C-alpha atoms as a PDB file:
ATOM      1  CA  MET A   1      85.032  64.714 -15.145  1.00  0.00           C
ATOM      2  CA  ILE A   2      87.022  65.046 -18.367  1.00  0.00           C
ATOM      3  CA  ASN A   3      90.097  66.367 -16.561  1.00  0.00           C
ATOM      4  CA  LYS A   4      89.944  63.485 -14.081  1.00  0.00           C
ATOM      5  CA  ILE A   5      89.673  60.928 -16.893  1.00  0.00           C
ATOM      6  CA  GLU A   6      92.578  62.463 -18.780  1.00  0.00           C
ATOM      7  CA  SER A   7      94.725  62.421 -15.660  1.00  0.00           C
ATOM      8  CA  PHE A   8      93.785  58.857 -14.664  1.00  0.00           C
ATOM      9  CA  LEU A   9      94.319  57.344 -18.145  1.00  0.00           C
ATOM     10  CA  ASP A  10      97.095  59.740 -19.219  1.00  0.00           C
ATOM     11  CA  ILE A  11      95.232  60.606 -22.405  1.00  0.00           C
ATOM     12  CA  LYS A  12      93.731  63.648 -24.120  1.00  0.00           C
ATOM     13  CA  ILE A  13      89.972  63.680 -24.789  1.00  0.00           C
ATOM     14  CA  ILE A  14      89.310  65.189 -28.202  1.00  0.00           C
ATOM     15  CA  ASP A  15      85.594  64.483 -28.655  1.00  0.00           C
ATOM     16  CA  SER A  16      82.484  64.015 -26.503  1.00  0.00           C
ATOM     17  CA  LYS A  17      79.021  63.189 -27.840  1.00  0.00           C
ATOM     18  CA  SER A  18      75.852  63.008 -25.785  1.00  0.00           C
ATOM     19  CA  LEU A  19      73.596  59.994 -26.220  1.00  0.00           C
ATOM     20  CA  GLY A  20      69.856  60.580 -26.034  1.00  0.00           C
ATOM     21  CA  GLY A  21      67.247  58.456 -24.304  1.00  0.00           C
ATOM     22  CA  GLY A  22      68.457  58.422 -20.710  1.00  0.00           C
ATOM     23  CA  CYS A  23      66.103  59.789 -18.055  1.00  0.00           C
ATOM     24  CA  ILE A  24      68.246  59.306 -14.954  1.00  0.00           C
ATOM     25  CA  ALA A  25      71.782  59.435 -16.347  1.00  0.00           C
ATOM     26  CA  ASP A  26      73.768  61.657 -18.672  1.00  0.00           C
ATOM     27  CA  SER A  27      75.444  59.232 -21.077  1.00  0.00           C
ATOM     28  CA  ARG A  28      78.236  60.166 -23.464  1.00  0.00           C
ATOM     29  CA  VAL A  29      80.700  58.596 -25.862  1.00  0.00           C
ATOM     30  CA  ILE A  30      84.124  60.170 -25.515  1.00  0.00           C
ATOM     31  CA  GLU A  31      87.159  59.682 -27.731  1.00  0.00           C
ATOM     32  CA  ASP A  32      90.828  60.144 -26.950  1.00  0.00           C
ATOM     33  CA  ASN A  33      93.713  61.323 -29.117  1.00  0.00           C
ATOM     34  CA  THR A  34      94.489  57.734 -30.227  1.00  0.00           C
ATOM     35  CA  GLY A  35      90.958  57.192 -31.549  1.00  0.00           C
ATOM     36  CA  LYS A  36      89.884  54.964 -28.672  1.00  0.00           C
ATOM     37  CA  LYS A  37      86.325  55.443 -27.439  1.00  0.00           C
ATOM     38  CA  TYR A  38      84.841  55.127 -23.940  1.00  0.00           C
ATOM     39  CA  PHE A  39      81.315  55.150 -22.522  1.00  0.00           C
ATOM     40  CA  LEU A  40      80.773  57.725 -19.793  1.00  0.00           C
ATOM     41  CA  LYS A  41      77.773  57.778 -17.423  1.00  0.00           C
ATOM     42  CA  HIS A  42      76.873  60.405 -14.861  1.00  0.00           C
ATOM     43  CA  TYR A  43      73.792  59.806 -12.711  1.00  0.00           C
ATOM     44  CA  VAL A  44      72.138  63.108 -11.939  1.00  0.00           C
ATOM     45  CA  THR A  45      69.814  61.724  -9.247  1.00  0.00           C
ATOM     46  CA  ASN A  46      72.087  59.744  -6.916  1.00  0.00           C
ATOM     47  CA  SER A  47      75.875  59.502  -6.953  1.00  0.00           C
ATOM     48  CA  SER A  48      75.794  56.122  -5.164  1.00  0.00           C
ATOM     49  CA  ILE A  49      74.421  54.465  -8.310  1.00  0.00           C
ATOM     50  CA  HIS A  50      77.815  54.769 -10.037  1.00  0.00           C
ATOM     51  CA  ARG A  51      79.600  52.372  -7.683  1.00  0.00           C
ATOM     52  CA  ALA A  52      76.607  50.032  -7.366  1.00  0.00           C
ATOM     53  CA  GLU A  53      76.390  49.625 -11.142  1.00  0.00           C
ATOM     54  CA  ALA A  54      80.147  49.092 -11.376  1.00  0.00           C
ATOM     55  CA  ASP A  55      80.035  46.372  -8.704  1.00  0.00           C
ATOM     56  CA  GLY A  56      77.163  44.625 -10.476  1.00  0.00           C
ATOM     57  CA  LEU A  57      78.964  44.657 -13.818  1.00  0.00           C
ATOM     58  CA  THR A  58      82.115  43.343 -12.160  1.00  0.00           C
ATOM     59  CA  GLU A  59      80.196  40.486 -10.510  1.00  0.00           C
ATOM     60  CA  ILE A  60      78.737  39.395 -13.850  1.00  0.00           C
ATOM     61  CA  LEU A  61      82.118  39.768 -15.563  1.00  0.00           C
ATOM     62  CA  LYS A  62      83.734  37.466 -12.994  1.00  0.00           C
ATOM     63  CA  SER A  63      81.236  34.739 -13.889  1.00  0.00           C
ATOM     64  CA  GLY A  64      82.636  34.450 -17.405  1.00  0.00           C
ATOM     65  CA  ALA A  65      79.154  33.452 -18.558  1.00  0.00           C
ATOM     66  CA  ILE A  66      78.027  36.472 -20.548  1.00  0.00           C
ATOM     67  CA  ARG A  67      79.595  39.713 -21.699  1.00  0.00           C
ATOM     68  CA  VAL A  68      79.226  43.057 -19.957  1.00  0.00           C
ATOM     69  CA  PRO A  69      81.162  46.294 -20.540  1.00  0.00           C
ATOM     70  CA  LYS A  70      84.377  46.361 -18.513  1.00  0.00           C
ATOM     71  CA  VAL A  71      84.606  48.969 -15.770  1.00  0.00           C
ATOM     72  CA  ILE A  72      87.537  51.289 -16.411  1.00  0.00           C
ATOM     73  CA  TYR A  73      87.024  53.814 -13.629  1.00  0.00           C
ATOM     74  CA  VAL A  74      84.354  54.686 -11.092  1.00  0.00           C
ATOM     75  CA  ASP A  75      83.913  57.186  -8.290  1.00  0.00           C
ATOM     76  CA  ASP A  76      81.009  59.167  -6.850  1.00  0.00           C
ATOM     77  CA  SER A  77      81.049  61.503  -9.850  1.00  0.00           C
ATOM     78  CA  PHE A  78      80.862  59.180 -12.827  1.00  0.00           C
ATOM     79  CA  LEU A  79      81.270  55.702 -14.272  1.00  0.00           C
ATOM     80  CA  LEU A  80      83.642  55.085 -17.186  1.00  0.00           C
ATOM     81  CA  LEU A  81      83.073  51.889 -19.177  1.00  0.00           C
ATOM     82  CA  GLU A  82      84.444  50.045 -22.149  1.00  0.00           C
ATOM     83  CA  PHE A  83      82.754  51.306 -25.310  1.00  0.00           C
ATOM     84  CA  ILE A  84      80.869  48.559 -27.164  1.00  0.00           C
ATOM     85  CA  ASN A  85      80.530  49.103 -30.906  1.00  0.00           C
ATOM     86  CA  SER A  86      77.193  47.412 -31.583  1.00  0.00           C
ATOM     87  CA  LYS A  87      76.585  45.410 -34.756  1.00  0.00           C
ATOM     88  CA  PRO A  88      73.434  43.648 -36.047  1.00  0.00           C
ATOM     89  CA  LYS A  89      72.348  40.510 -34.207  1.00  0.00           C
ATOM     90  CA  THR A  90      73.724  37.161 -35.331  1.00  0.00           C
ATOM     91  CA  LYS A  91      71.380  34.577 -36.853  1.00  0.00           C
ATOM     92  CA  ASN A  92      71.293  32.545 -33.623  1.00  0.00           C
ATOM     93  CA  PHE A  93      71.370  35.569 -31.324  1.00  0.00           C
ATOM     94  CA  PHE A  94      68.509  34.634 -29.001  1.00  0.00           C
ATOM     95  CA  SER A  95      69.439  30.966 -28.768  1.00  0.00           C
ATOM     96  CA  ASP A  96      72.984  31.944 -27.791  1.00  0.00           C
ATOM     97  CA  PHE A  97      71.611  34.573 -25.418  1.00  0.00           C
ATOM     98  CA  GLY A  98      69.360  32.038 -23.676  1.00  0.00           C
ATOM     99  CA  LYS A  99      72.227  29.590 -23.187  1.00  0.00           C
ATOM    100  CA  LYS A 100      74.574  32.253 -21.822  1.00  0.00           C
ATOM    101  CA  PHE A 101      71.869  33.534 -19.478  1.00  0.00           C
ATOM    102  CA  ALA A 102      71.409  29.996 -18.165  1.00  0.00           C
ATOM    103  CA  ASP A 103      75.170  29.778 -17.634  1.00  0.00           C
ATOM    104  CA  LEU A 104      75.010  32.993 -15.612  1.00  0.00           C
ATOM    105  CA  HIS A 105      72.352  31.443 -13.369  1.00  0.00           C
ATOM    106  CA  LYS A 106      74.546  28.410 -12.769  1.00  0.00           C
ATOM    107  CA  VAL A 107      76.839  30.690 -10.762  1.00  0.00           C
ATOM    108  CA  THR A 108      75.651  30.320  -7.176  1.00  0.00           C
ATOM    109  CA  CYS A 109      76.460  31.172  -3.581  1.00  0.00           C
ATOM    110  CA  GLU A 110      75.150  30.205  -0.134  1.00  0.00           C
ATOM    111  CA  ASN A 111      72.911  33.176   0.700  1.00  0.00           C
ATOM    112  CA  PHE A 112      70.235  35.186  -1.080  1.00  0.00           C
ATOM    113  CA  GLY A 113      71.152  38.834  -1.557  1.00  0.00           C
ATOM    114  CA  PHE A 114      74.421  40.627  -2.297  1.00  0.00           C
ATOM    115  CA  PHE A 115      77.323  42.110  -0.358  1.00  0.00           C
ATOM    116  CA  GLU A 116      75.781  45.581  -0.694  1.00  0.00           C
ATOM    117  CA  ASN A 117      72.468  47.244  -1.358  1.00  0.00           C
ATOM    118  CA  ASN A 118      72.063  48.703  -4.841  1.00  0.00           C
ATOM    119  CA  PHE A 119      69.363  50.203  -7.043  1.00  0.00           C
ATOM    120  CA  ILE A 120      66.446  49.158  -9.216  1.00  0.00           C
ATOM    121  CA  GLY A 121      66.029  52.187 -11.462  1.00  0.00           C
ATOM    122  CA  THR A 122      66.482  55.088  -9.061  1.00  0.00           C
ATOM    123  CA  ASN A 123      64.825  53.270  -6.161  1.00  0.00           C
ATOM    124  CA  PRO A 124      66.990  51.518  -3.565  1.00  0.00           C
ATOM    125  CA  GLN A 125      67.179  47.743  -3.832  1.00  0.00           C
ATOM    126  CA  LYS A 126      67.706  46.107  -0.462  1.00  0.00           C
ATOM    127  CA  ASN A 127      70.097  43.139  -0.537  1.00  0.00           C
ATOM    128  CA  LEU A 128      71.117  43.143   3.122  1.00  0.00           C
ATOM    129  CA  PRO A 129      70.742  41.327   5.394  1.00  0.00           C
ATOM    130  CA  ARG A 130      71.321  38.197   3.344  1.00  0.00           C
ATOM    131  CA  TYR A 131      69.070  35.196   3.908  1.00  0.00           C
ATOM    132  CA  ARG A 132      69.351  31.419   3.648  1.00  0.00           C
ATOM    133  CA  ASN A 133      65.623  31.161   2.832  1.00  0.00           C
ATOM    134  CA  TRP A 134      64.359  32.575  -0.455  1.00  0.00           C
ATOM    135  CA  ILE A 135      60.794  33.319   0.651  1.00  0.00           C
ATOM    136  CA  ASP A 136      62.030  35.287   3.667  1.00  0.00           C
ATOM    137  CA  PHE A 137      64.381  37.272   1.451  1.00  0.00           C
ATOM    138  CA  TYR A 138      61.761  37.945  -1.199  1.00  0.00           C
ATOM    139  CA  VAL A 139      59.149  39.074   1.309  1.00  0.00           C
ATOM    140  CA  GLU A 140      61.398  41.228   3.498  1.00  0.00           C
ATOM    141  CA  ASN A 141      63.866  42.685   0.992  1.00  0.00           C
ATOM    142  CA  ARG A 142      61.657  42.929  -2.058  1.00  0.00           C
ATOM    143  CA  LEU A 143      57.881  43.042  -1.518  1.00  0.00           C
ATOM    144  CA  LEU A 144      57.651  44.615   1.926  1.00  0.00           C
ATOM    145  CA  PHE A 145      60.288  47.186   1.015  1.00  0.00           C
ATOM    146  CA  GLN A 146      58.310  48.256  -2.072  1.00  0.00           C
ATOM    147  CA  PHE A 147      55.020  48.214  -0.162  1.00  0.00           C
ATOM    148  CA  GLN A 148      56.422  50.459   2.568  1.00  0.00           C
ATOM    149  CA  LEU A 149      57.840  52.776  -0.082  1.00  0.00           C
ATOM    150  CA  ALA A 150      54.420  52.881  -1.754  1.00  0.00           C
ATOM    151  CA  GLU A 151      52.863  53.826   1.592  1.00  0.00           C
ATOM    152  CA  LYS A 152      55.375  56.641   1.940  1.00  0.00           C
ATOM    153  CA  ASN A 153      54.596  57.786  -1.602  1.00  0.00           C
ATOM    154  CA  GLY A 154      50.838  57.766  -0.971  1.00  0.00           C
ATOM    155  CA  TYR A 155      49.946  54.940  -3.365  1.00  0.00           C
ATOM    156  CA  VAL A 156      48.596  52.414  -0.847  1.00  0.00           C
ATOM    157  CA  SER A 157      44.813  52.320  -0.511  1.00  0.00           C
ATOM    158  CA  ASP A 158      42.797  50.241   1.952  1.00  0.00           C
ATOM    159  CA  GLU A 159      42.053  47.902  -0.952  1.00  0.00           C
ATOM    160  CA  MET A 160      45.730  47.408  -1.753  1.00  0.00           C
ATOM    161  CA  LYS A 161      46.656  46.855   1.882  1.00  0.00           C
ATOM    162  CA  LYS A 162      43.952  44.202   2.296  1.00  0.00           C
ATOM    163  CA  TYR A 163      45.038  42.293  -0.810  1.00  0.00           C
ATOM    164  CA  PHE A 164      48.738  42.666  -0.047  1.00  0.00           C
ATOM    165  CA  ASP A 165      48.362  41.296   3.494  1.00  0.00           C
ATOM    166  CA  LYS A 166      46.451  38.259   2.197  1.00  0.00           C
ATOM    167  CA  PHE A 167      49.019  37.723  -0.549  1.00  0.00           C
ATOM    168  CA  ILE A 168      51.922  37.700   1.918  1.00  0.00           C
ATOM    169  CA  GLN A 169      50.085  35.177   4.095  1.00  0.00           C
ATOM    170  CA  THR A 170      49.472  32.945   1.077  1.00  0.00           C
ATOM    171  CA  LEU A 171      52.955  33.263  -0.441  1.00  0.00           C
ATOM    172  CA  PRO A 172      54.613  30.279   1.341  1.00  0.00           C
ATOM    173  CA  SER A 173      52.049  27.966  -0.231  1.00  0.00           C
ATOM    174  CA  LEU A 174      52.602  29.514  -3.679  1.00  0.00           C
ATOM    175  CA  LEU A 175      56.367  29.120  -3.843  1.00  0.00           C
ATOM    176  CA  PRO A 176      58.368  25.909  -3.627  1.00  0.00           C
ATOM    177  CA  GLY A 177      60.954  27.471  -1.332  1.00  0.00           C
ATOM    178  CA  SER A 178      64.688  27.607  -1.889  1.00  0.00           C
ATOM    179  CA  GLU A 179      65.068  24.250  -3.612  1.00  0.00           C
ATOM    180  CA  GLU A 180      68.091  25.538  -5.513  1.00  0.00           C
ATOM    181  CA  ASN A 181      71.115  27.513  -4.411  1.00  0.00           C
ATOM    182  CA  PRO A 182      70.882  31.287  -4.978  1.00  0.00           C
ATOM    183  CA  SER A 183      71.742  32.121  -8.610  1.00  0.00           C
ATOM    184  CA  LEU A 184      73.607  35.163  -9.858  1.00  0.00           C
ATOM    185  CA  LEU A 185      70.913  37.414 -11.347  1.00  0.00           C
ATOM    186  CA  HIS A 186      71.115  40.427 -13.621  1.00  0.00           C
ATOM    187  CA  GLY A 187      68.147  41.710 -11.644  1.00  0.00           C
ATOM    188  CA  ASP A 188      66.564  44.022 -14.221  1.00  0.00           C
ATOM    189  CA  LEU A 189      66.717  42.324 -17.608  1.00  0.00           C
ATOM    190  CA  TRP A 190      64.312  43.581 -20.242  1.00  0.00           C
ATOM    191  CA  GLY A 191      64.713  44.613 -23.878  1.00  0.00           C
ATOM    192  CA  GLY A 192      66.395  47.896 -22.999  1.00  0.00           C
ATOM    193  CA  ASN A 193      69.096  46.355 -20.817  1.00  0.00           C
ATOM    194  CA  TYR A 194      71.074  44.417 -23.361  1.00  0.00           C
ATOM    195  CA  ILE A 195      72.960  45.453 -26.481  1.00  0.00           C
ATOM    196  CA  THR A 196      74.867  43.667 -29.210  1.00  0.00           C
ATOM    197  CA  ASP A 197      78.648  43.770 -29.332  1.00  0.00           C
ATOM    198  CA  GLU A 198      80.982  44.168 -32.304  1.00  0.00           C
ATOM    199  CA  ASN A 199      80.304  40.527 -33.255  1.00  0.00           C
ATOM    200  CA  GLY A 200      76.530  40.859 -33.021  1.00  0.00           C
ATOM    201  CA  GLU A 201      76.433  38.860 -29.780  1.00  0.00           C
ATOM    202  CA  VAL A 202      74.750  39.767 -26.505  1.00  0.00           C
ATOM    203  CA  CYS A 203      76.184  42.172 -23.959  1.00  0.00           C
ATOM    204  CA  LEU A 204      74.271  42.953 -20.746  1.00  0.00           C
ATOM    205  CA  ILE A 205      74.070  46.492 -19.360  1.00  0.00           C
ATOM    206  CA  ASP A 206      72.479  48.341 -16.425  1.00  0.00           C
ATOM    207  CA  PRO A 207      72.285  45.465 -13.916  1.00  0.00           C
ATOM    208  CA  ALA A 208      70.651  45.370 -10.487  1.00  0.00           C
ATOM    209  CA  VAL A 209      72.677  42.355  -9.397  1.00  0.00           C
ATOM    210  CA  TYR A 210      71.943  39.997  -6.516  1.00  0.00           C
ATOM    211  CA  TYR A 211      71.807  36.272  -5.831  1.00  0.00           C
ATOM    212  CA  GLY A 212      68.249  34.978  -5.920  1.00  0.00           C
ATOM    213  CA  ASP A 213      65.772  32.556  -7.445  1.00  0.00           C
ATOM    214  CA  ARG A 214      66.482  32.455 -11.176  1.00  0.00           C
ATOM    215  CA  GLU A 215      62.753  32.407 -11.926  1.00  0.00           C
ATOM    216  CA  ALA A 216      62.683  36.032 -10.764  1.00  0.00           C
ATOM    217  CA  ASP A 217      65.171  37.031 -13.484  1.00  0.00           C
ATOM    218  CA  LEU A 218      63.213  35.215 -16.189  1.00  0.00           C
ATOM    219  CA  ALA A 219      59.920  36.721 -15.053  1.00  0.00           C
ATOM    220  CA  MET A 220      61.364  40.215 -15.460  1.00  0.00           C
ATOM    221  CA  THR A 221      62.277  39.436 -19.081  1.00  0.00           C
ATOM    222  CA  LYS A 222      58.545  38.959 -19.773  1.00  0.00           C
ATOM    223  CA  LEU A 223      57.239  42.087 -18.054  1.00  0.00           C
ATOM    224  CA  PHE A 224      57.370  44.211 -21.216  1.00  0.00           C
ATOM    225  CA  GLY A 225      56.579  41.586 -23.836  1.00  0.00           C
ATOM    226  CA  GLY A 226      59.419  39.125 -23.402  1.00  0.00           C
ATOM    227  CA  PHE A 227      62.091  37.813 -25.740  1.00  0.00           C
ATOM    228  CA  ASN A 228      61.450  35.373 -28.545  1.00  0.00           C
ATOM    229  CA  HIS A 229      60.819  31.647 -28.235  1.00  0.00           C
ATOM    230  CA  ASP A 230      64.410  30.704 -29.076  1.00  0.00           C
ATOM    231  CA  PHE A 231      65.704  32.463 -25.965  1.00  0.00           C
ATOM    232  CA  TYR A 232      63.489  30.547 -23.538  1.00  0.00           C
ATOM    233  CA  GLU A 233      63.846  27.230 -25.350  1.00  0.00           C
ATOM    234  CA  ALA A 234      67.661  27.430 -25.309  1.00  0.00           C
ATOM    235  CA  TYR A 235      67.636  28.498 -21.668  1.00  0.00           C
ATOM    236  CA  ASN A 236      65.481  25.567 -20.608  1.00  0.00           C
ATOM    237  CA  GLU A 237      67.565  23.100 -22.596  1.00  0.00           C
ATOM    238  CA  GLU A 238      70.716  24.329 -20.888  1.00  0.00           C
ATOM    239  CA  TYR A 239      69.268  24.666 -17.387  1.00  0.00           C
ATOM    240  CA  PRO A 240      65.766  23.144 -17.085  1.00  0.00           C
ATOM    241  CA  LEU A 241      63.285  25.044 -14.955  1.00  0.00           C
ATOM    242  CA  ARG A 242      61.253  23.516 -12.150  1.00  0.00           C
ATOM    243  CA  PRO A 243      57.671  22.402 -12.830  1.00  0.00           C
ATOM    244  CA  GLY A 244      55.087  25.163 -12.412  1.00  0.00           C
ATOM    245  CA  HIS A 245      57.459  28.038 -13.165  1.00  0.00           C
ATOM    246  CA  SER A 246      55.004  29.712 -15.553  1.00  0.00           C
ATOM    247  CA  GLU A 247      52.373  29.846 -12.798  1.00  0.00           C
ATOM    248  CA  ARG A 248      54.838  31.675 -10.544  1.00  0.00           C
ATOM    249  CA  GLU A 249      55.881  34.336 -13.068  1.00  0.00           C
ATOM    250  CA  ASP A 250      53.482  37.020 -11.872  1.00  0.00           C
ATOM    251  CA  ILE A 251      54.644  36.539  -8.281  1.00  0.00           C
ATOM    252  CA  TYR A 252      58.067  37.722  -9.409  1.00  0.00           C
ATOM    253  CA  LYS A 253      56.743  40.366 -11.779  1.00  0.00           C
ATOM    254  CA  LEU A 254      54.984  41.890  -8.761  1.00  0.00           C
ATOM    255  CA  TYR A 255      58.232  43.266  -7.354  1.00  0.00           C
ATOM    256  CA  HIS A 256      58.978  45.145 -10.560  1.00  0.00           C
ATOM    257  CA  VAL A 257      55.395  46.303 -11.025  1.00  0.00           C
ATOM    258  CA  MET A 258      55.427  47.748  -7.492  1.00  0.00           C
ATOM    259  CA  ASN A 259      58.783  49.361  -8.210  1.00  0.00           C
ATOM    260  CA  HIS A 260      57.283  50.983 -11.303  1.00  0.00           C
ATOM    261  CA  LEU A 261      54.321  52.084  -9.190  1.00  0.00           C
ATOM    262  CA  ASN A 262      56.760  53.857  -6.899  1.00  0.00           C
ATOM    263  CA  LEU A 263      58.668  55.350  -9.808  1.00  0.00           C
ATOM    264  CA  PHE A 264      55.798  56.315 -12.105  1.00  0.00           C
ATOM    265  CA  GLY A 265      52.448  55.776 -10.342  1.00  0.00           C
ATOM    266  CA  GLY A 266      49.445  55.672 -12.676  1.00  0.00           C
ATOM    267  CA  SER A 267      48.435  52.389 -14.276  1.00  0.00           C
ATOM    268  CA  TYR A 268      50.901  50.346 -12.218  1.00  0.00           C
ATOM    269  CA  TYR A 269      48.503  50.572  -9.284  1.00  0.00           C
ATOM    270  CA  HIS A 270      45.860  48.598 -11.168  1.00  0.00           C
ATOM    271  CA  GLN A 271      48.455  46.098 -12.386  1.00  0.00           C
ATOM    272  CA  THR A 272      49.602  45.585  -8.787  1.00  0.00           C
ATOM    273  CA  ILE A 273      46.038  44.957  -7.629  1.00  0.00           C
ATOM    274  CA  SER A 274      45.451  42.540 -10.510  1.00  0.00           C
ATOM    275  CA  ILE A 275      48.458  40.379  -9.588  1.00  0.00           C
ATOM    276  CA  LEU A 276      47.566  40.365  -5.878  1.00  0.00           C
ATOM    277  CA  LYS A 277      43.994  39.311  -6.583  1.00  0.00           C
ATOM    278  CA  ARG A 278      45.103  36.526  -8.900  1.00  0.00           C
ATOM    279  CA  TYR A 279      46.885  34.664  -6.111  1.00  0.00           C
ATOM    280  CA  ILE A 280      44.464  35.179  -3.242  1.00  0.00           C
END
């Protein structure tokens, strides 16, 4: 990898430091002979993740709404990104974050999905075929995909199948349908998937990009405790949510809970059952 980077950028790498904490990727900060630093990622589980992550970052970058690290180079071996020198959060960090996230969601297209399939963690995320109807997309490309994967992984009991089937039948009456155009979503935003930049402002990382219902993106932010009040207040001031959005949050959390069931098993089974039972 280092030789390829040196050849591509016409530089000499003089330092490489491993960053701890990653479970699916080897992450490093490398430095060249001019003192410039880069962020290097190598996914040990699936080489296809490199290009999928690069395409997601590029899609968000094109929006101009919120910062992401710039992609410098990508192939099947590794992903080389702009290095972000993080500083402490600004005083109005979460208010600014909420507004910028709303601006991201104002970027729309005609169809739900993305031009390619990508990944949610290490699991595949199905974005094709693209749909004009949100409920059809969410059922086919999100919930049914995770349910079938759970069957393959041996997590589906008779109880879960019964509740899941009833939930799918009830879903059209629970969701308002595609009343808005598909929004550009980060796809996997929680507290571990943003950093601060050199000005203490937000920078998104590790996306699972697609165009979907923006409520799905906001629901994910609350799966592991959520952000503070300022974030959601600023978001709603900039781009008001539809009535009843809080009642629909768990419908969108379900996708991520089932994904975690497939990744980690254990307690996510009971959380899946709890959400299904709530709506049936």
